Amino acid sequence: MSLPIVLALAAVVAAAVAGVLLVREKDPQRRARALVKLGAVLMTVFTVAAVAFIGGYAMDQPGGTAGLVVTLSWFVPMVLLAALAGFRPAAASPLLMALAVVLVAVCVWFDLDPAAARSVQDSNGPVVAIGVVALAFPAAVLGLKRSGRAGWLLLAIGTLPLLTTVLGRSGPLASLAAATVVPLIVGIAYLVAARLARRDPASRNTLPALA
């Protein structure tokens, strides 16, 4: 079974679970927490699968030490950003937003210079899709403390690179679509959670991080 099919099935399951939570749970505060936890779990599972898939490909091509270096070059920053988002969300939030802007700028550059896009991606693989994965996981961790901001960030990560690439026809769409679908779903879940938290008067004192 291919990765896109697995991701599509995961998205359907996540949507079904979220629907059940919203229907059965009456307390907005508990709804919000449940949606955030569901989004974080979904993103974690997706990230593990993506790391295994991308890392396995890198160990095949170019393979050896070079493949390991390529994998670590984005995996280590992703882990560090996730740790920063977990322990210092106030510092991580603007940094992740800036990196998201850089990612979109790279997509625009690829659109304007297709030859450079092909050269970079032939040498390094689907760098935009990898960038989405590397930013989406820290953004999801940020959502545990700042679900509203993380939701908008994930929404941008899940839509803008794909939209830009589709319009410019500047890269492999299958890998990018597979990389963006889960961040988009989790972003929507976080935004719904933040909205639920704002609707509950008690959450002003008990859930400030979700607003």
N, C-alpha and C. Protein backbone atom coordinates (compact mmCIF):
# COMPACT_ATOMS: atom_id res chain seq x y z
N MET A 1 0.85 -1.19 0.00
CA MET A 1 0.00 0.00 0.00
C MET A 1 0.89 1.25 0.00
N SER A 2 0.64 2.20 -0.90
CA SER A 2 1.49 3.36 -1.04
C SER A 2 1.24 4.35 0.09
N LEU A 3 2.23 5.23 0.31
CA LEU A 3 2.12 6.22 1.38
C LEU A 3 0.93 7.15 1.21
N PRO A 4 0.65 7.68 -0.01
CA PRO A 4 -0.53 8.54 -0.14
C PRO A 4 -1.83 7.85 0.25
N ILE A 5 -1.97 6.55 -0.06
CA ILE A 5 -3.19 5.83 0.31
C ILE A 5 -3.28 5.69 1.82
N VAL A 6 -2.15 5.38 2.45
CA VAL A 6 -2.13 5.27 3.91
C VAL A 6 -2.52 6.60 4.55
N LEU A 7 -1.97 7.69 4.02
CA LEU A 7 -2.29 9.01 4.57
C LEU A 7 -3.76 9.37 4.37
N ALA A 8 -4.30 8.99 3.21
CA ALA A 8 -5.71 9.26 2.96
C ALA A 8 -6.59 8.49 3.94
N LEU A 9 -6.25 7.24 4.20
CA LEU A 9 -7.00 6.44 5.17
C LEU A 9 -6.88 7.03 6.58
N ALA A 10 -5.67 7.47 6.92
CA ALA A 10 -5.46 8.08 8.23
C ALA A 10 -6.29 9.35 8.38
N ALA A 11 -6.37 10.12 7.29
CA ALA A 11 -7.15 11.36 7.33
C ALA A 11 -8.63 11.06 7.53
N VAL A 12 -9.13 10.03 6.87
CA VAL A 12 -10.53 9.64 7.02
C VAL A 12 -10.81 9.20 8.46
N VAL A 13 -9.91 8.38 9.01
CA VAL A 13 -10.08 7.91 10.39
C VAL A 13 -10.05 9.09 11.36
N ALA A 14 -9.08 10.00 11.16
CA ALA A 14 -8.97 11.16 12.04
C ALA A 14 -10.21 12.03 11.97
N ALA A 15 -10.73 12.24 10.77
CA ALA A 15 -11.94 13.05 10.62
C ALA A 15 -13.13 12.38 11.31
N ALA A 16 -13.22 11.05 11.21
CA ALA A 16 -14.31 10.33 11.85
C ALA A 16 -14.22 10.44 13.37
N VAL A 17 -13.00 10.27 13.91
CA VAL A 17 -12.81 10.38 15.35
C VAL A 17 -13.14 11.79 15.84
N ALA A 18 -12.67 12.80 15.08
CA ALA A 18 -12.96 14.18 15.45
C ALA A 18 -14.46 14.44 15.44
N GLY A 19 -15.17 13.90 14.47
CA GLY A 19 -16.61 14.06 14.42
C GLY A 19 -17.30 13.45 15.62
N VAL A 20 -16.85 12.26 16.01
CA VAL A 20 -17.43 11.61 17.19
C VAL A 20 -17.18 12.43 18.44
N LEU A 21 -15.96 12.98 18.56
CA LEU A 21 -15.64 13.80 19.73
C LEU A 21 -16.53 15.03 19.81
N LEU A 22 -16.74 15.67 18.67
CA LEU A 22 -17.53 16.89 18.66
C LEU A 22 -19.00 16.62 18.95
N VAL A 23 -19.48 15.44 18.54
CA VAL A 23 -20.89 15.11 18.75
C VAL A 23 -21.15 14.64 20.18
N ARG A 24 -20.27 13.79 20.69
CA ARG A 24 -20.51 13.16 21.97
C ARG A 24 -20.09 14.02 23.16
N GLU A 25 -19.04 14.80 22.99
CA GLU A 25 -18.54 15.61 24.10
C GLU A 25 -19.23 16.98 24.10
N LYS A 26 -19.90 17.31 25.19
CA LYS A 26 -20.67 18.55 25.27
C LYS A 26 -19.86 19.72 25.82
N ASP A 27 -18.86 19.44 26.64
CA ASP A 27 -18.09 20.52 27.26
C ASP A 27 -17.08 21.08 26.27
N PRO A 28 -17.15 22.39 25.90
CA PRO A 28 -16.23 22.97 24.92
C PRO A 28 -14.76 22.83 25.31
N GLN A 29 -14.49 22.96 26.61
CA GLN A 29 -13.12 22.87 27.08
C GLN A 29 -12.54 21.48 26.82
N ARG A 30 -13.31 20.46 27.12
CA ARG A 30 -12.84 19.09 26.90
C ARG A 30 -12.80 18.76 25.41
N ARG A 31 -13.71 19.32 24.63
CA ARG A 31 -13.65 19.16 23.18
C ARG A 31 -12.34 19.71 22.64
N ALA A 32 -12.00 20.92 23.09
CA ALA A 32 -10.79 21.57 22.60
C ALA A 32 -9.56 20.73 22.93
N ARG A 33 -9.47 20.28 24.17
CA ARG A 33 -8.31 19.47 24.57
C ARG A 33 -8.25 18.17 23.77
N ALA A 34 -9.40 17.55 23.55
CA ALA A 34 -9.43 16.29 22.81
C ALA A 34 -8.98 16.49 21.36
N LEU A 35 -9.42 17.58 20.74
CA LEU A 35 -9.02 17.85 19.36
C LEU A 35 -7.52 18.12 19.26
N VAL A 36 -6.99 18.86 20.23
CA VAL A 36 -5.55 19.14 20.21
C VAL A 36 -4.76 17.85 20.38
N LYS A 37 -5.17 17.01 21.30
CA LYS A 37 -4.47 15.74 21.51
C LYS A 37 -4.57 14.85 20.27
N LEU A 38 -5.75 14.82 19.65
CA LEU A 38 -5.93 14.01 18.44
C LEU A 38 -5.01 14.53 17.32
N GLY A 39 -4.97 15.85 17.16
CA GLY A 39 -4.10 16.42 16.14
C GLY A 39 -2.64 16.12 16.39
N ALA A 40 -2.21 16.23 17.65
CA ALA A 40 -0.81 15.98 17.99
C ALA A 40 -0.44 14.52 17.74
N VAL A 41 -1.34 13.60 18.10
CA VAL A 41 -1.07 12.18 17.87
C VAL A 41 -1.00 11.88 16.37
N LEU A 42 -1.95 12.43 15.60
CA LEU A 42 -1.96 12.21 14.16
C LEU A 42 -0.67 12.73 13.52
N MET A 43 -0.22 13.92 13.93
CA MET A 43 1.00 14.48 13.37
C MET A 43 2.22 13.67 13.76
N THR A 44 2.23 13.15 14.99
CA THR A 44 3.37 12.34 15.42
C THR A 44 3.46 11.06 14.60
N VAL A 45 2.34 10.40 14.41
CA VAL A 45 2.33 9.17 13.60
C VAL A 45 2.76 9.47 12.17
N PHE A 46 2.23 10.56 11.62
CA PHE A 46 2.60 10.96 10.27
C PHE A 46 4.09 11.25 10.16
N THR A 47 4.64 11.95 11.17
CA THR A 47 6.06 12.31 11.12
C THR A 47 6.95 11.08 11.19
N VAL A 48 6.60 10.13 12.06
CA VAL A 48 7.37 8.88 12.14
C VAL A 48 7.36 8.16 10.79
N ALA A 49 6.18 8.07 10.17
CA ALA A 49 6.09 7.42 8.86
C ALA A 49 6.89 8.18 7.81
N ALA A 50 6.80 9.50 7.84
CA ALA A 50 7.52 10.31 6.85
C ALA A 50 9.03 10.20 7.02
N VAL A 51 9.49 10.22 8.28
CA VAL A 51 10.93 10.09 8.53
C VAL A 51 11.43 8.73 8.04
N ALA A 52 10.66 7.68 8.31
CA ALA A 52 11.06 6.35 7.87
C ALA A 52 11.09 6.27 6.34
N PHE A 53 10.08 6.86 5.69
CA PHE A 53 10.00 6.81 4.23
C PHE A 53 11.11 7.63 3.58
N ILE A 54 11.28 8.88 4.03
CA ILE A 54 12.29 9.75 3.43
C ILE A 54 13.70 9.25 3.78
N GLY A 55 13.89 8.83 5.04
CA GLY A 55 15.19 8.32 5.43
C GLY A 55 15.56 7.06 4.68
N GLY A 56 14.57 6.17 4.47
CA GLY A 56 14.84 4.96 3.71
C GLY A 56 15.24 5.26 2.28
N TYR A 57 14.58 6.25 1.69
CA TYR A 57 14.91 6.65 0.32
C TYR A 57 16.32 7.23 0.26
N ALA A 58 16.67 8.07 1.27
CA ALA A 58 18.00 8.68 1.29
C ALA A 58 19.09 7.63 1.50
N MET A 59 18.80 6.60 2.29
CA MET A 59 19.79 5.55 2.51
C MET A 59 19.96 4.67 1.27
N ASP A 60 18.98 4.75 0.36
CA ASP A 60 19.09 4.03 -0.91
C ASP A 60 19.79 4.88 -1.96
N GLN A 61 19.38 6.15 -2.02
CA GLN A 61 19.98 7.11 -2.94
C GLN A 61 20.15 8.46 -2.23
N PRO A 62 21.37 8.91 -1.94
CA PRO A 62 22.67 8.39 -2.38
C PRO A 62 23.19 7.21 -1.58
N GLY A 63 22.62 6.96 -0.40
CA GLY A 63 23.03 5.82 0.39
C GLY A 63 24.28 6.08 1.21
N GLY A 64 24.59 5.15 2.11
CA GLY A 64 25.80 5.24 2.92
C GLY A 64 25.84 6.47 3.81
N THR A 65 27.05 6.97 3.99
CA THR A 65 27.26 8.14 4.84
C THR A 65 26.56 9.37 4.28
N ALA A 66 26.58 9.52 2.97
CA ALA A 66 25.92 10.67 2.34
C ALA A 66 24.43 10.67 2.63
N GLY A 67 23.80 9.51 2.53
CA GLY A 67 22.37 9.41 2.82
C GLY A 67 22.06 9.74 4.27
N LEU A 68 22.93 9.28 5.17
CA LEU A 68 22.73 9.58 6.59
C LEU A 68 22.87 11.07 6.87
N VAL A 69 23.86 11.70 6.23
CA VAL A 69 24.07 13.14 6.41
C VAL A 69 22.87 13.92 5.89
N VAL A 70 22.35 13.52 4.72
CA VAL A 70 21.19 14.19 4.15
C VAL A 70 19.99 14.09 5.08
N THR A 71 19.78 12.92 5.66
CA THR A 71 18.65 12.72 6.57
C THR A 71 18.81 13.55 7.84
N LEU A 72 20.00 13.52 8.41
CA LEU A 72 20.25 14.26 9.65
C LEU A 72 20.19 15.77 9.43
N SER A 73 20.47 16.22 8.21
CA SER A 73 20.50 17.66 7.93
C SER A 73 19.15 18.32 8.14
N TRP A 74 18.05 17.55 8.02
CA TRP A 74 16.74 18.13 8.29
C TRP A 74 16.08 17.52 9.52
N PHE A 75 16.47 16.28 9.87
CA PHE A 75 15.86 15.63 11.02
C PHE A 75 16.28 16.30 12.33
N VAL A 76 17.57 16.60 12.47
CA VAL A 76 18.06 17.21 13.71
C VAL A 76 17.45 18.60 13.92
N PRO A 77 17.44 19.48 12.90
CA PRO A 77 16.75 20.77 13.11
C PRO A 77 15.28 20.63 13.46
N MET A 78 14.61 19.62 12.87
CA MET A 78 13.20 19.40 13.18
C MET A 78 13.03 19.06 14.67
N VAL A 79 13.88 18.18 15.18
CA VAL A 79 13.79 17.79 16.59
C VAL A 79 14.09 18.98 17.50
N LEU A 80 15.10 19.78 17.14
CA LEU A 80 15.45 20.94 17.95
C LEU A 80 14.32 21.97 17.95
N LEU A 81 13.71 22.18 16.79
CA LEU A 81 12.57 23.11 16.72
C LEU A 81 11.39 22.60 17.54
N ALA A 82 11.17 21.28 17.50
CA ALA A 82 10.08 20.71 18.28
C ALA A 82 10.33 20.88 19.77
N ALA A 83 11.59 20.68 20.19
CA ALA A 83 11.93 20.88 21.61
C ALA A 83 11.74 22.34 22.00
N LEU A 84 12.15 23.25 21.13
CA LEU A 84 11.96 24.68 21.41
C LEU A 84 10.47 25.02 21.51
N ALA A 85 9.67 24.44 20.61
CA ALA A 85 8.22 24.69 20.63
C ALA A 85 7.58 24.16 21.90
N GLY A 86 8.10 23.04 22.40
CA GLY A 86 7.53 22.46 23.61
C GLY A 86 7.90 23.21 24.87
N PHE A 87 9.16 23.69 24.95
CA PHE A 87 9.64 24.30 26.18
C PHE A 87 9.64 25.83 26.13
N ARG A 88 9.74 26.41 24.92
CA ARG A 88 9.75 27.86 24.79
C ARG A 88 8.84 28.27 23.63
N PRO A 89 7.53 28.08 23.80
CA PRO A 89 6.61 28.36 22.69
C PRO A 89 6.63 29.83 22.25
N ALA A 90 6.86 30.74 23.18
CA ALA A 90 6.88 32.16 22.82
C ALA A 90 8.02 32.47 21.86
N ALA A 91 9.16 31.80 22.03
CA ALA A 91 10.30 32.00 21.14
C ALA A 91 10.14 31.21 19.85
N ALA A 92 9.53 30.03 19.94
CA ALA A 92 9.40 29.17 18.76
C ALA A 92 8.39 29.70 17.76
N SER A 93 7.34 30.35 18.23
CA SER A 93 6.27 30.79 17.34
C SER A 93 6.76 31.72 16.22
N PRO A 94 7.46 32.84 16.52
CA PRO A 94 7.92 33.70 15.42
C PRO A 94 8.98 33.03 14.56
N LEU A 95 9.80 32.17 15.15
CA LEU A 95 10.83 31.47 14.38
C LEU A 95 10.20 30.53 13.36
N LEU A 96 9.19 29.78 13.77
CA LEU A 96 8.51 28.87 12.85
C LEU A 96 7.78 29.64 11.75
N MET A 97 7.20 30.76 12.11
CA MET A 97 6.53 31.59 11.10
C MET A 97 7.54 32.10 10.06
N ALA A 98 8.71 32.53 10.54
CA ALA A 98 9.74 33.01 9.62
C ALA A 98 10.22 31.90 8.71
N LEU A 99 10.41 30.70 9.25
CA LEU A 99 10.84 29.57 8.44
C LEU A 99 9.78 29.17 7.42
N ALA A 100 8.50 29.29 7.80
CA ALA A 100 7.42 29.01 6.86
C ALA A 100 7.45 30.01 5.69
N VAL A 101 7.74 31.26 5.99
CA VAL A 101 7.86 32.28 4.94
C VAL A 101 9.02 31.93 4.01
N VAL A 102 10.13 31.47 4.59
CA VAL A 102 11.28 31.06 3.77
C VAL A 102 10.91 29.89 2.86
N LEU A 103 10.16 28.93 3.40
CA LEU A 103 9.74 27.79 2.59
C LEU A 103 8.88 28.22 1.41
N VAL A 104 7.94 29.10 1.66
CA VAL A 104 7.09 29.60 0.57
C VAL A 104 7.93 30.39 -0.43
N ALA A 105 8.91 31.15 0.07
CA ALA A 105 9.78 31.91 -0.83
C ALA A 105 10.58 30.97 -1.74
N VAL A 106 11.02 29.85 -1.19
CA VAL A 106 11.72 28.85 -2.02
C VAL A 106 10.80 28.33 -3.11
N CYS A 107 9.54 28.08 -2.76
CA CYS A 107 8.57 27.62 -3.77
C CYS A 107 8.39 28.65 -4.87
N VAL A 108 8.31 29.91 -4.51
CA VAL A 108 8.17 30.98 -5.50
C VAL A 108 9.41 31.04 -6.38
N TRP A 109 10.59 30.91 -5.75
CA TRP A 109 11.84 30.89 -6.52
C TRP A 109 11.84 29.74 -7.52
N PHE A 110 11.41 28.57 -7.09
CA PHE A 110 11.34 27.42 -7.99
C PHE A 110 10.39 27.70 -9.16
N ASP A 111 9.29 28.39 -8.87
CA ASP A 111 8.34 28.74 -9.94
C ASP A 111 8.99 29.66 -10.97
N LEU A 112 9.78 30.61 -10.48
CA LEU A 112 10.39 31.59 -11.36
C LEU A 112 11.61 31.05 -12.09
N ASP A 113 12.22 30.02 -11.54
CA ASP A 113 13.43 29.43 -12.15
C ASP A 113 13.30 27.91 -12.18
N PRO A 114 12.53 27.38 -13.13
CA PRO A 114 12.31 25.93 -13.20
C PRO A 114 13.59 25.13 -13.35
N ALA A 115 14.59 25.67 -14.06
CA ALA A 115 15.85 24.96 -14.24
C ALA A 115 16.55 24.76 -12.89
N ALA A 116 16.56 25.81 -12.07
CA ALA A 116 17.16 25.70 -10.74
C ALA A 116 16.37 24.72 -9.88
N ALA A 117 15.04 24.76 -10.02
CA ALA A 117 14.20 23.84 -9.25
C ALA A 117 14.53 22.39 -9.57
N ARG A 118 14.65 22.08 -10.86
CA ARG A 118 14.98 20.72 -11.27
C ARG A 118 16.36 20.32 -10.77
N SER A 119 17.31 21.23 -10.87
CA SER A 119 18.68 20.92 -10.44
C SER A 119 18.74 20.63 -8.94
N VAL A 120 18.11 21.49 -8.16
CA VAL A 120 18.13 21.31 -6.71
C VAL A 120 17.43 20.02 -6.30
N GLN A 121 16.28 19.75 -6.89
CA GLN A 121 15.51 18.57 -6.50
C GLN A 121 16.09 17.28 -7.05
N ASP A 122 16.75 17.35 -8.20
CA ASP A 122 17.44 16.16 -8.70
C ASP A 122 18.62 15.79 -7.81
N SER A 123 19.25 16.79 -7.22
CA SER A 123 20.42 16.55 -6.38
C SER A 123 20.06 16.21 -4.94
N ASN A 124 18.94 16.78 -4.45
CA ASN A 124 18.63 16.66 -3.02
C ASN A 124 17.28 16.02 -2.72
N GLY A 125 16.53 15.64 -3.74
CA GLY A 125 15.22 15.06 -3.51
C GLY A 125 14.14 16.12 -3.40
N PRO A 126 12.94 15.73 -2.99
CA PRO A 126 11.81 16.68 -2.89
C PRO A 126 11.97 17.61 -1.69
N VAL A 127 12.79 18.64 -1.85
CA VAL A 127 13.16 19.49 -0.72
C VAL A 127 11.96 20.23 -0.14
N VAL A 128 10.99 20.60 -0.98
CA VAL A 128 9.82 21.31 -0.46
C VAL A 128 8.99 20.39 0.43
N ALA A 129 8.77 19.16 -0.01
CA ALA A 129 8.01 18.20 0.80
C ALA A 129 8.73 17.93 2.12
N ILE A 130 10.05 17.79 2.05
CA ILE A 130 10.83 17.56 3.27
C ILE A 130 10.72 18.78 4.19
N GLY A 131 10.77 19.98 3.61
CA GLY A 131 10.62 21.19 4.40
C GLY A 131 9.28 21.25 5.10
N VAL A 132 8.22 20.82 4.42
CA VAL A 132 6.89 20.79 5.03
C VAL A 132 6.88 19.87 6.25
N VAL A 133 7.45 18.68 6.10
CA VAL A 133 7.50 17.73 7.21
C VAL A 133 8.31 18.30 8.37
N ALA A 134 9.47 18.90 8.04
CA ALA A 134 10.37 19.41 9.07
C ALA A 134 9.76 20.57 9.86
N LEU A 135 8.86 21.32 9.24
CA LEU A 135 8.21 22.43 9.94
C LEU A 135 6.89 22.03 10.59
N ALA A 136 6.19 21.08 9.98
CA ALA A 136 4.86 20.73 10.47
C ALA A 136 4.91 20.08 11.85
N PHE A 137 5.89 19.23 12.09
CA PHE A 137 5.94 18.56 13.40
C PHE A 137 6.20 19.56 14.53
N PRO A 138 7.20 20.45 14.43
CA PRO A 138 7.35 21.46 15.48
C PRO A 138 6.12 22.35 15.64
N ALA A 139 5.45 22.66 14.52
CA ALA A 139 4.23 23.46 14.60
C ALA A 139 3.15 22.73 15.38
N ALA A 140 3.06 21.41 15.19
CA ALA A 140 2.08 20.62 15.93
C ALA A 140 2.41 20.60 17.42
N VAL A 141 3.69 20.52 17.75
CA VAL A 141 4.10 20.59 19.16
C VAL A 141 3.75 21.95 19.75
N LEU A 142 3.96 22.99 18.97
CA LEU A 142 3.57 24.34 19.41
C LEU A 142 2.08 24.39 19.71
N GLY A 143 1.28 23.64 18.95
CA GLY A 143 -0.16 23.63 19.14
C GLY A 143 -0.61 23.12 20.50
N LEU A 144 0.25 22.37 21.19
CA LEU A 144 -0.09 21.92 22.53
C LEU A 144 -0.17 23.09 23.51
N LYS A 145 0.52 24.18 23.19
CA LYS A 145 0.52 25.37 24.05
C LYS A 145 -0.16 26.57 23.39
N ARG A 146 -0.10 26.65 22.06
CA ARG A 146 -0.64 27.78 21.31
C ARG A 146 -1.41 27.24 20.10
N SER A 147 -2.57 26.67 20.34
CA SER A 147 -3.27 25.97 19.27
C SER A 147 -3.75 26.91 18.16
N GLY A 148 -4.14 28.13 18.51
CA GLY A 148 -4.60 29.07 17.49
C GLY A 148 -3.49 29.43 16.53
N ARG A 149 -2.35 29.86 17.06
CA ARG A 149 -1.22 30.23 16.20
C ARG A 149 -0.71 29.03 15.41
N ALA A 150 -0.61 27.90 16.08
CA ALA A 150 -0.13 26.70 15.39
C ALA A 150 -1.10 26.27 14.30
N GLY A 151 -2.40 26.46 14.54
CA GLY A 151 -3.39 26.09 13.53
C GLY A 151 -3.23 26.89 12.25
N TRP A 152 -3.06 28.21 12.40
CA TRP A 152 -2.84 29.05 11.21
C TRP A 152 -1.53 28.72 10.53
N LEU A 153 -0.51 28.42 11.32
CA LEU A 153 0.79 28.07 10.75
C LEU A 153 0.70 26.77 9.96
N LEU A 154 0.05 25.77 10.53
CA LEU A 154 -0.11 24.49 9.83
C LEU A 154 -0.98 24.63 8.59
N LEU A 155 -1.98 25.49 8.69
CA LEU A 155 -2.83 25.74 7.52
C LEU A 155 -1.99 26.33 6.38
N ALA A 156 -1.12 27.26 6.71
CA ALA A 156 -0.25 27.86 5.70
C ALA A 156 0.73 26.83 5.13
N ILE A 157 1.32 26.03 6.01
CA ILE A 157 2.27 25.02 5.57
C ILE A 157 1.59 23.97 4.70
N GLY A 158 0.33 23.68 5.01
CA GLY A 158 -0.39 22.65 4.27
C GLY A 158 -0.99 23.10 2.96
N THR A 159 -1.05 24.43 2.72
CA THR A 159 -1.70 24.90 1.50
C THR A 159 -0.78 25.69 0.58
N LEU A 160 -0.01 26.63 1.13
CA LEU A 160 0.74 27.55 0.27
C LEU A 160 1.82 26.87 -0.57
N PRO A 161 2.67 25.97 -0.01
CA PRO A 161 3.65 25.31 -0.87
C PRO A 161 3.01 24.49 -1.99
N LEU A 162 1.92 23.78 -1.65
CA LEU A 162 1.26 22.98 -2.67
C LEU A 162 0.62 23.86 -3.74
N LEU A 163 -0.06 24.91 -3.31
CA LEU A 163 -0.72 25.80 -4.26
C LEU A 163 0.31 26.46 -5.18
N THR A 164 1.41 26.93 -4.60
CA THR A 164 2.46 27.57 -5.39
C THR A 164 3.07 26.60 -6.38
N THR A 165 3.31 25.39 -5.96
CA THR A 165 3.93 24.39 -6.84
C THR A 165 2.97 23.98 -7.95
N VAL A 166 1.69 23.86 -7.64
CA VAL A 166 0.71 23.52 -8.66
C VAL A 166 0.63 24.62 -9.72
N LEU A 167 0.59 25.86 -9.28
CA LEU A 167 0.49 26.97 -10.22
C LEU A 167 1.74 27.10 -11.08
N GLY A 168 2.91 26.86 -10.47
CA GLY A 168 4.16 27.01 -11.20
C GLY A 168 4.65 25.75 -11.87
N ARG A 169 4.01 24.60 -11.55
CA ARG A 169 4.44 23.32 -12.10
C ARG A 169 5.94 23.13 -11.94
N SER A 170 6.42 23.37 -10.72
CA SER A 170 7.85 23.43 -10.48
C SER A 170 8.40 22.27 -9.67
N GLY A 171 7.60 21.26 -9.42
CA GLY A 171 8.12 20.17 -8.62
C GLY A 171 7.20 18.97 -8.63
N PRO A 172 7.66 17.85 -8.00
CA PRO A 172 6.84 16.64 -7.90
C PRO A 172 5.64 16.86 -6.99
N LEU A 173 4.44 16.72 -7.54
CA LEU A 173 3.24 17.03 -6.78
C LEU A 173 2.83 15.89 -5.85
N ALA A 174 3.10 14.64 -6.24
CA ALA A 174 2.64 13.51 -5.43
C ALA A 174 3.26 13.54 -4.04
N SER A 175 4.58 13.73 -3.97
CA SER A 175 5.25 13.76 -2.67
C SER A 175 4.82 14.96 -1.86
N LEU A 176 4.63 16.10 -2.52
CA LEU A 176 4.22 17.30 -1.80
C LEU A 176 2.79 17.18 -1.29
N ALA A 177 1.90 16.61 -2.10
CA ALA A 177 0.52 16.41 -1.65
C ALA A 177 0.47 15.47 -0.45
N ALA A 178 1.30 14.41 -0.49
CA ALA A 178 1.35 13.48 0.64
C ALA A 178 1.88 14.16 1.90
N ALA A 179 2.80 15.11 1.72
CA ALA A 179 3.39 15.79 2.87
C ALA A 179 2.48 16.83 3.48
N THR A 180 1.57 17.38 2.69
CA THR A 180 0.76 18.51 3.17
C THR A 180 -0.61 18.12 3.72
N VAL A 181 -1.12 16.95 3.39
CA VAL A 181 -2.50 16.62 3.74
C VAL A 181 -2.69 16.55 5.26
N VAL A 182 -1.78 15.91 5.97
CA VAL A 182 -1.94 15.78 7.43
C VAL A 182 -1.73 17.11 8.14
N PRO A 183 -0.69 17.90 7.80
CA PRO A 183 -0.59 19.23 8.42
C PRO A 183 -1.84 20.08 8.21
N LEU A 184 -2.45 19.98 7.04
CA LEU A 184 -3.68 20.74 6.78
C LEU A 184 -4.81 20.29 7.72
N ILE A 185 -4.98 18.99 7.86
CA ILE A 185 -6.03 18.46 8.74
C ILE A 185 -5.79 18.84 10.19
N VAL A 186 -4.54 18.71 10.64
CA VAL A 186 -4.22 19.05 12.03
C VAL A 186 -4.39 20.55 12.26
N GLY A 187 -4.02 21.36 11.28
CA GLY A 187 -4.21 22.80 11.40
C GLY A 187 -5.67 23.16 11.59
N ILE A 188 -6.54 22.52 10.82
CA ILE A 188 -7.97 22.77 10.96
C ILE A 188 -8.46 22.34 12.35
N ALA A 189 -7.97 21.17 12.82
CA ALA A 189 -8.37 20.69 14.15
C ALA A 189 -7.94 21.67 15.23
N TYR A 190 -6.74 22.22 15.13
CA TYR A 190 -6.25 23.18 16.12
C TYR A 190 -7.08 24.47 16.09
N LEU A 191 -7.42 24.92 14.91
CA LEU A 191 -8.23 26.15 14.82
C LEU A 191 -9.61 25.94 15.41
N VAL A 192 -10.20 24.78 15.17
CA VAL A 192 -11.50 24.47 15.77
C VAL A 192 -11.37 24.42 17.30
N ALA A 193 -10.27 23.82 17.78
CA ALA A 193 -10.05 23.74 19.23
C ALA A 193 -9.91 25.14 19.83
N ALA A 194 -9.16 26.00 19.16
CA ALA A 194 -9.00 27.36 19.66
C ALA A 194 -10.33 28.10 19.70
N ARG A 195 -11.15 27.89 18.69
CA ARG A 195 -12.47 28.54 18.66
C ARG A 195 -13.37 28.02 19.78
N LEU A 196 -13.33 26.72 20.02
CA LEU A 196 -14.11 26.14 21.10
C LEU A 196 -13.66 26.71 22.45
N ALA A 197 -12.36 26.85 22.61
CA ALA A 197 -11.84 27.38 23.88
C ALA A 197 -12.29 28.82 24.10
N ARG A 198 -12.32 29.60 23.03
CA ARG A 198 -12.75 30.99 23.17
C ARG A 198 -14.24 31.09 23.48
N ARG A 199 -15.03 30.12 23.02
CA ARG A 199 -16.47 30.15 23.28
C ARG A 199 -16.81 29.80 24.70
N ASP A 200 -15.89 29.12 25.40
CA ASP A 200 -16.15 28.71 26.79
C ASP A 200 -15.60 29.77 27.74
N PRO A 201 -16.45 30.47 28.50
CA PRO A 201 -15.96 31.52 29.40
C PRO A 201 -14.94 31.01 30.40
N ALA A 202 -15.10 29.77 30.85
CA ALA A 202 -14.17 29.23 31.84
C ALA A 202 -12.77 29.06 31.27
N SER A 203 -12.66 28.93 29.94
CA SER A 203 -11.36 28.68 29.33
C SER A 203 -10.46 29.90 29.40
N ARG A 204 -11.00 31.07 29.70
CA ARG A 204 -10.17 32.26 29.79
C ARG A 204 -9.16 32.13 30.93
N ASN A 205 -9.55 31.35 31.93
CA ASN A 205 -8.65 31.15 33.06
C ASN A 205 -7.93 29.81 32.99
N THR A 206 -8.55 28.83 32.38
CA THR A 206 -7.99 27.48 32.42
C THR A 206 -7.28 27.06 31.15
N LEU A 207 -7.58 27.73 30.00
CA LEU A 207 -6.96 27.33 28.75
C LEU A 207 -6.39 28.55 28.00
N PRO A 208 -5.54 29.35 28.60
CA PRO A 208 -5.05 30.51 27.90
C PRO A 208 -4.20 30.16 26.70
N ALA A 209 -3.54 29.00 26.74
CA ALA A 209 -2.65 28.63 25.65
C ALA A 209 -3.40 28.28 24.38
N LEU A 210 -4.68 27.90 24.49
CA LEU A 210 -5.43 27.50 23.31
C LEU A 210 -5.96 28.67 22.53
N ALA A 211 -5.99 29.84 23.12
CA ALA A 211 -6.58 31.00 22.45
C ALA A 211 -5.66 31.53 21.37
